[in-house]
N, C-alpha and C. Protein backbone atom coordinates (compact mmCIF):
# COMPACT_ATOMS: atom_id res chain seq x y z
N MET A 1 91.83 119.42 120.58
CA MET A 1 90.60 118.72 120.26
C MET A 1 90.95 117.39 119.60
N ASN A 2 90.35 116.32 120.08
CA ASN A 2 90.61 114.99 119.56
C ASN A 2 89.51 114.60 118.59
N GLU A 3 89.76 114.69 117.31
CA GLU A 3 88.75 114.40 116.31
C GLU A 3 88.85 112.93 115.89
N PHE A 4 87.69 112.25 115.88
CA PHE A 4 87.64 110.84 115.49
C PHE A 4 87.87 110.72 113.98
N LYS A 5 88.75 109.85 113.60
CA LYS A 5 89.01 109.59 112.18
C LYS A 5 88.70 108.13 111.92
N MET A 6 87.76 107.88 111.02
CA MET A 6 87.42 106.50 110.68
C MET A 6 88.62 105.83 110.02
N LYS A 7 88.74 104.53 110.27
CA LYS A 7 89.81 103.74 109.66
C LYS A 7 89.19 102.70 108.74
N ALA A 8 89.74 102.61 107.55
CA ALA A 8 89.25 101.65 106.56
C ALA A 8 90.35 100.64 106.25
N TYR A 9 89.99 99.37 106.26
CA TYR A 9 90.92 98.30 105.89
C TYR A 9 90.66 97.96 104.42
N ALA A 10 91.71 97.98 103.64
CA ALA A 10 91.59 97.65 102.22
C ALA A 10 92.71 96.70 101.84
N ALA A 11 92.34 95.58 101.27
CA ALA A 11 93.34 94.61 100.83
C ALA A 11 92.93 94.06 99.47
N GLY A 12 93.89 93.72 98.70
CA GLY A 12 93.62 93.14 97.38
C GLY A 12 94.95 92.75 96.77
N GLY A 13 94.86 92.09 95.67
CA GLY A 13 96.08 91.66 94.98
C GLY A 13 96.84 92.84 94.40
N TRP A 14 98.13 92.74 94.38
CA TRP A 14 98.98 93.71 93.69
C TRP A 14 100.08 92.94 92.98
N PHE A 15 99.65 91.86 92.35
CA PHE A 15 100.60 90.93 91.75
C PHE A 15 100.84 91.20 90.26
N ASN A 16 100.06 92.12 89.70
CA ASN A 16 100.32 92.55 88.33
C ASN A 16 99.91 94.01 88.20
N LYS A 17 100.19 94.62 87.07
CA LYS A 17 99.96 96.05 86.88
C LYS A 17 98.48 96.42 87.08
N GLU A 18 97.57 95.65 86.51
CA GLU A 18 96.14 95.95 86.62
C GLU A 18 95.67 95.90 88.08
N GLN A 19 96.07 94.88 88.81
CA GLN A 19 95.68 94.77 90.21
C GLN A 19 96.26 95.93 91.02
N THR A 20 97.50 96.27 90.76
CA THR A 20 98.15 97.36 91.48
C THR A 20 97.42 98.68 91.22
N GLU A 21 97.04 98.93 89.98
CA GLU A 21 96.30 100.15 89.65
C GLU A 21 94.96 100.20 90.38
N ARG A 22 94.27 99.08 90.44
CA ARG A 22 92.97 99.04 91.13
C ARG A 22 93.10 99.28 92.62
N ILE A 23 94.04 98.62 93.27
CA ILE A 23 94.18 98.80 94.71
C ILE A 23 94.71 100.21 95.01
N ASP A 24 95.53 100.77 94.12
CA ASP A 24 95.96 102.17 94.27
C ASP A 24 94.75 103.10 94.27
N GLU A 25 93.81 102.87 93.36
CA GLU A 25 92.60 103.69 93.28
C GLU A 25 91.78 103.60 94.57
N VAL A 26 91.62 102.40 95.08
CA VAL A 26 90.86 102.21 96.32
C VAL A 26 91.55 102.91 97.48
N GLU A 27 92.86 102.69 97.62
CA GLU A 27 93.61 103.32 98.71
C GLU A 27 93.56 104.84 98.62
N ASN A 28 93.71 105.38 97.41
CA ASN A 28 93.65 106.83 97.23
C ASN A 28 92.28 107.38 97.56
N ALA A 29 91.22 106.67 97.19
CA ALA A 29 89.86 107.12 97.49
C ALA A 29 89.63 107.17 99.01
N ILE A 30 90.15 106.19 99.72
CA ILE A 30 90.03 106.16 101.18
C ILE A 30 90.74 107.38 101.78
N LYS A 31 91.94 107.65 101.31
CA LYS A 31 92.69 108.80 101.81
C LYS A 31 91.98 110.11 101.49
N LEU A 32 91.48 110.24 100.26
CA LEU A 32 90.77 111.46 99.85
C LEU A 32 89.50 111.67 100.66
N ALA A 33 88.91 110.59 101.14
CA ALA A 33 87.70 110.69 101.96
C ALA A 33 88.04 111.09 103.39
N GLY A 34 89.33 111.22 103.68
CA GLY A 34 89.77 111.65 105.00
C GLY A 34 89.83 110.54 106.03
N MET A 35 89.81 109.31 105.56
CA MET A 35 89.88 108.17 106.48
C MET A 35 91.32 107.68 106.62
N GLY A 36 91.59 107.04 107.73
CA GLY A 36 92.87 106.37 107.91
C GLY A 36 92.87 105.08 107.11
N LEU A 37 93.98 104.78 106.49
CA LEU A 37 94.09 103.57 105.66
C LEU A 37 94.87 102.49 106.39
N LEU A 38 94.27 101.32 106.48
CA LEU A 38 94.96 100.13 106.98
C LEU A 38 95.02 99.15 105.81
N SER A 39 96.20 98.98 105.27
CA SER A 39 96.40 98.15 104.09
C SER A 39 97.64 97.28 104.30
N PRO A 40 97.50 95.97 104.13
CA PRO A 40 98.68 95.11 104.30
C PRO A 40 99.84 95.53 103.41
N ARG A 41 99.54 95.98 102.23
CA ARG A 41 100.58 96.41 101.28
C ARG A 41 101.30 97.64 101.81
N VAL A 42 100.55 98.62 102.27
CA VAL A 42 101.13 99.87 102.76
C VAL A 42 101.81 99.66 104.11
N MET A 43 101.20 98.84 104.95
CA MET A 43 101.71 98.60 106.29
C MET A 43 102.93 97.67 106.30
N GLY A 44 103.19 97.02 105.18
CA GLY A 44 104.34 96.13 105.10
C GLY A 44 104.14 94.80 105.82
N ILE A 45 102.87 94.39 105.99
CA ILE A 45 102.59 93.14 106.68
C ILE A 45 103.15 91.95 105.90
N PHE A 46 103.03 92.01 104.57
CA PHE A 46 103.49 90.90 103.75
C PHE A 46 104.90 91.16 103.26
N LYS A 47 105.79 90.32 103.68
CA LYS A 47 107.18 90.36 103.21
C LYS A 47 107.60 88.94 102.88
N LYS A 48 108.45 88.80 101.90
CA LYS A 48 108.94 87.49 101.52
C LYS A 48 109.52 86.78 102.74
N GLY A 49 109.10 85.56 102.96
CA GLY A 49 109.59 84.77 104.07
C GLY A 49 108.82 84.97 105.37
N THR A 50 107.77 85.81 105.34
CA THR A 50 106.97 86.04 106.55
C THR A 50 106.27 84.75 106.95
N ASP A 51 106.30 84.46 108.24
CA ASP A 51 105.58 83.31 108.78
C ASP A 51 104.09 83.52 108.50
N PRO A 52 103.42 82.53 107.89
CA PRO A 52 101.99 82.69 107.58
C PRO A 52 101.14 83.08 108.79
N LYS A 53 101.46 82.57 109.97
CA LYS A 53 100.70 82.93 111.16
C LYS A 53 100.84 84.42 111.46
N GLU A 54 102.05 84.96 111.31
CA GLU A 54 102.27 86.39 111.52
C GLU A 54 101.48 87.21 110.50
N LEU A 55 101.43 86.73 109.28
CA LEU A 55 100.68 87.40 108.22
C LEU A 55 99.19 87.45 108.56
N VAL A 56 98.64 86.32 108.96
CA VAL A 56 97.22 86.25 109.32
C VAL A 56 96.95 87.11 110.55
N ASP A 57 97.80 87.01 111.56
CA ASP A 57 97.62 87.79 112.79
C ASP A 57 97.66 89.29 112.51
N GLY A 58 98.59 89.72 111.67
CA GLY A 58 98.70 91.14 111.32
C GLY A 58 97.48 91.65 110.59
N ASN A 59 96.99 90.84 109.66
CA ASN A 59 95.79 91.23 108.92
C ASN A 59 94.57 91.25 109.84
N LEU A 60 94.45 90.25 110.69
CA LEU A 60 93.32 90.18 111.61
C LEU A 60 93.32 91.39 112.55
N GLU A 61 94.47 91.75 113.06
CA GLU A 61 94.58 92.91 113.95
C GLU A 61 94.12 94.18 113.22
N ALA A 62 94.56 94.34 111.96
CA ALA A 62 94.17 95.52 111.18
C ALA A 62 92.67 95.52 110.90
N ILE A 63 92.12 94.36 110.57
CA ILE A 63 90.67 94.26 110.30
C ILE A 63 89.87 94.62 111.54
N LEU A 64 90.26 94.07 112.68
CA LEU A 64 89.52 94.29 113.92
C LEU A 64 89.61 95.73 114.41
N SER A 65 90.68 96.43 114.06
CA SER A 65 90.82 97.82 114.49
C SER A 65 90.22 98.80 113.48
N SER A 66 89.66 98.29 112.40
CA SER A 66 89.05 99.14 111.37
C SER A 66 87.58 99.38 111.66
N ASP A 67 87.10 100.53 111.16
CA ASP A 67 85.68 100.85 111.24
C ASP A 67 84.93 100.24 110.06
N ILE A 68 85.60 100.18 108.92
CA ILE A 68 85.01 99.56 107.73
C ILE A 68 86.06 98.71 107.03
N VAL A 69 85.60 97.67 106.35
CA VAL A 69 86.50 96.76 105.64
C VAL A 69 86.09 96.73 104.18
């Protein structure tokens, strides 16, 4: 049986402890709700030295494939 699983895109800053704690809470809530998580942080889209176009393209692809943002 192929069960549909909603996908949620979640992005936010993780540049300090407070931001990281907040985005952790959001990501965990999405997972607990049984949804698939699309997050640039988790997906590894952002890496030092990444071409900005690749970064934008990766995020756009994740956003467009999400059911909710």
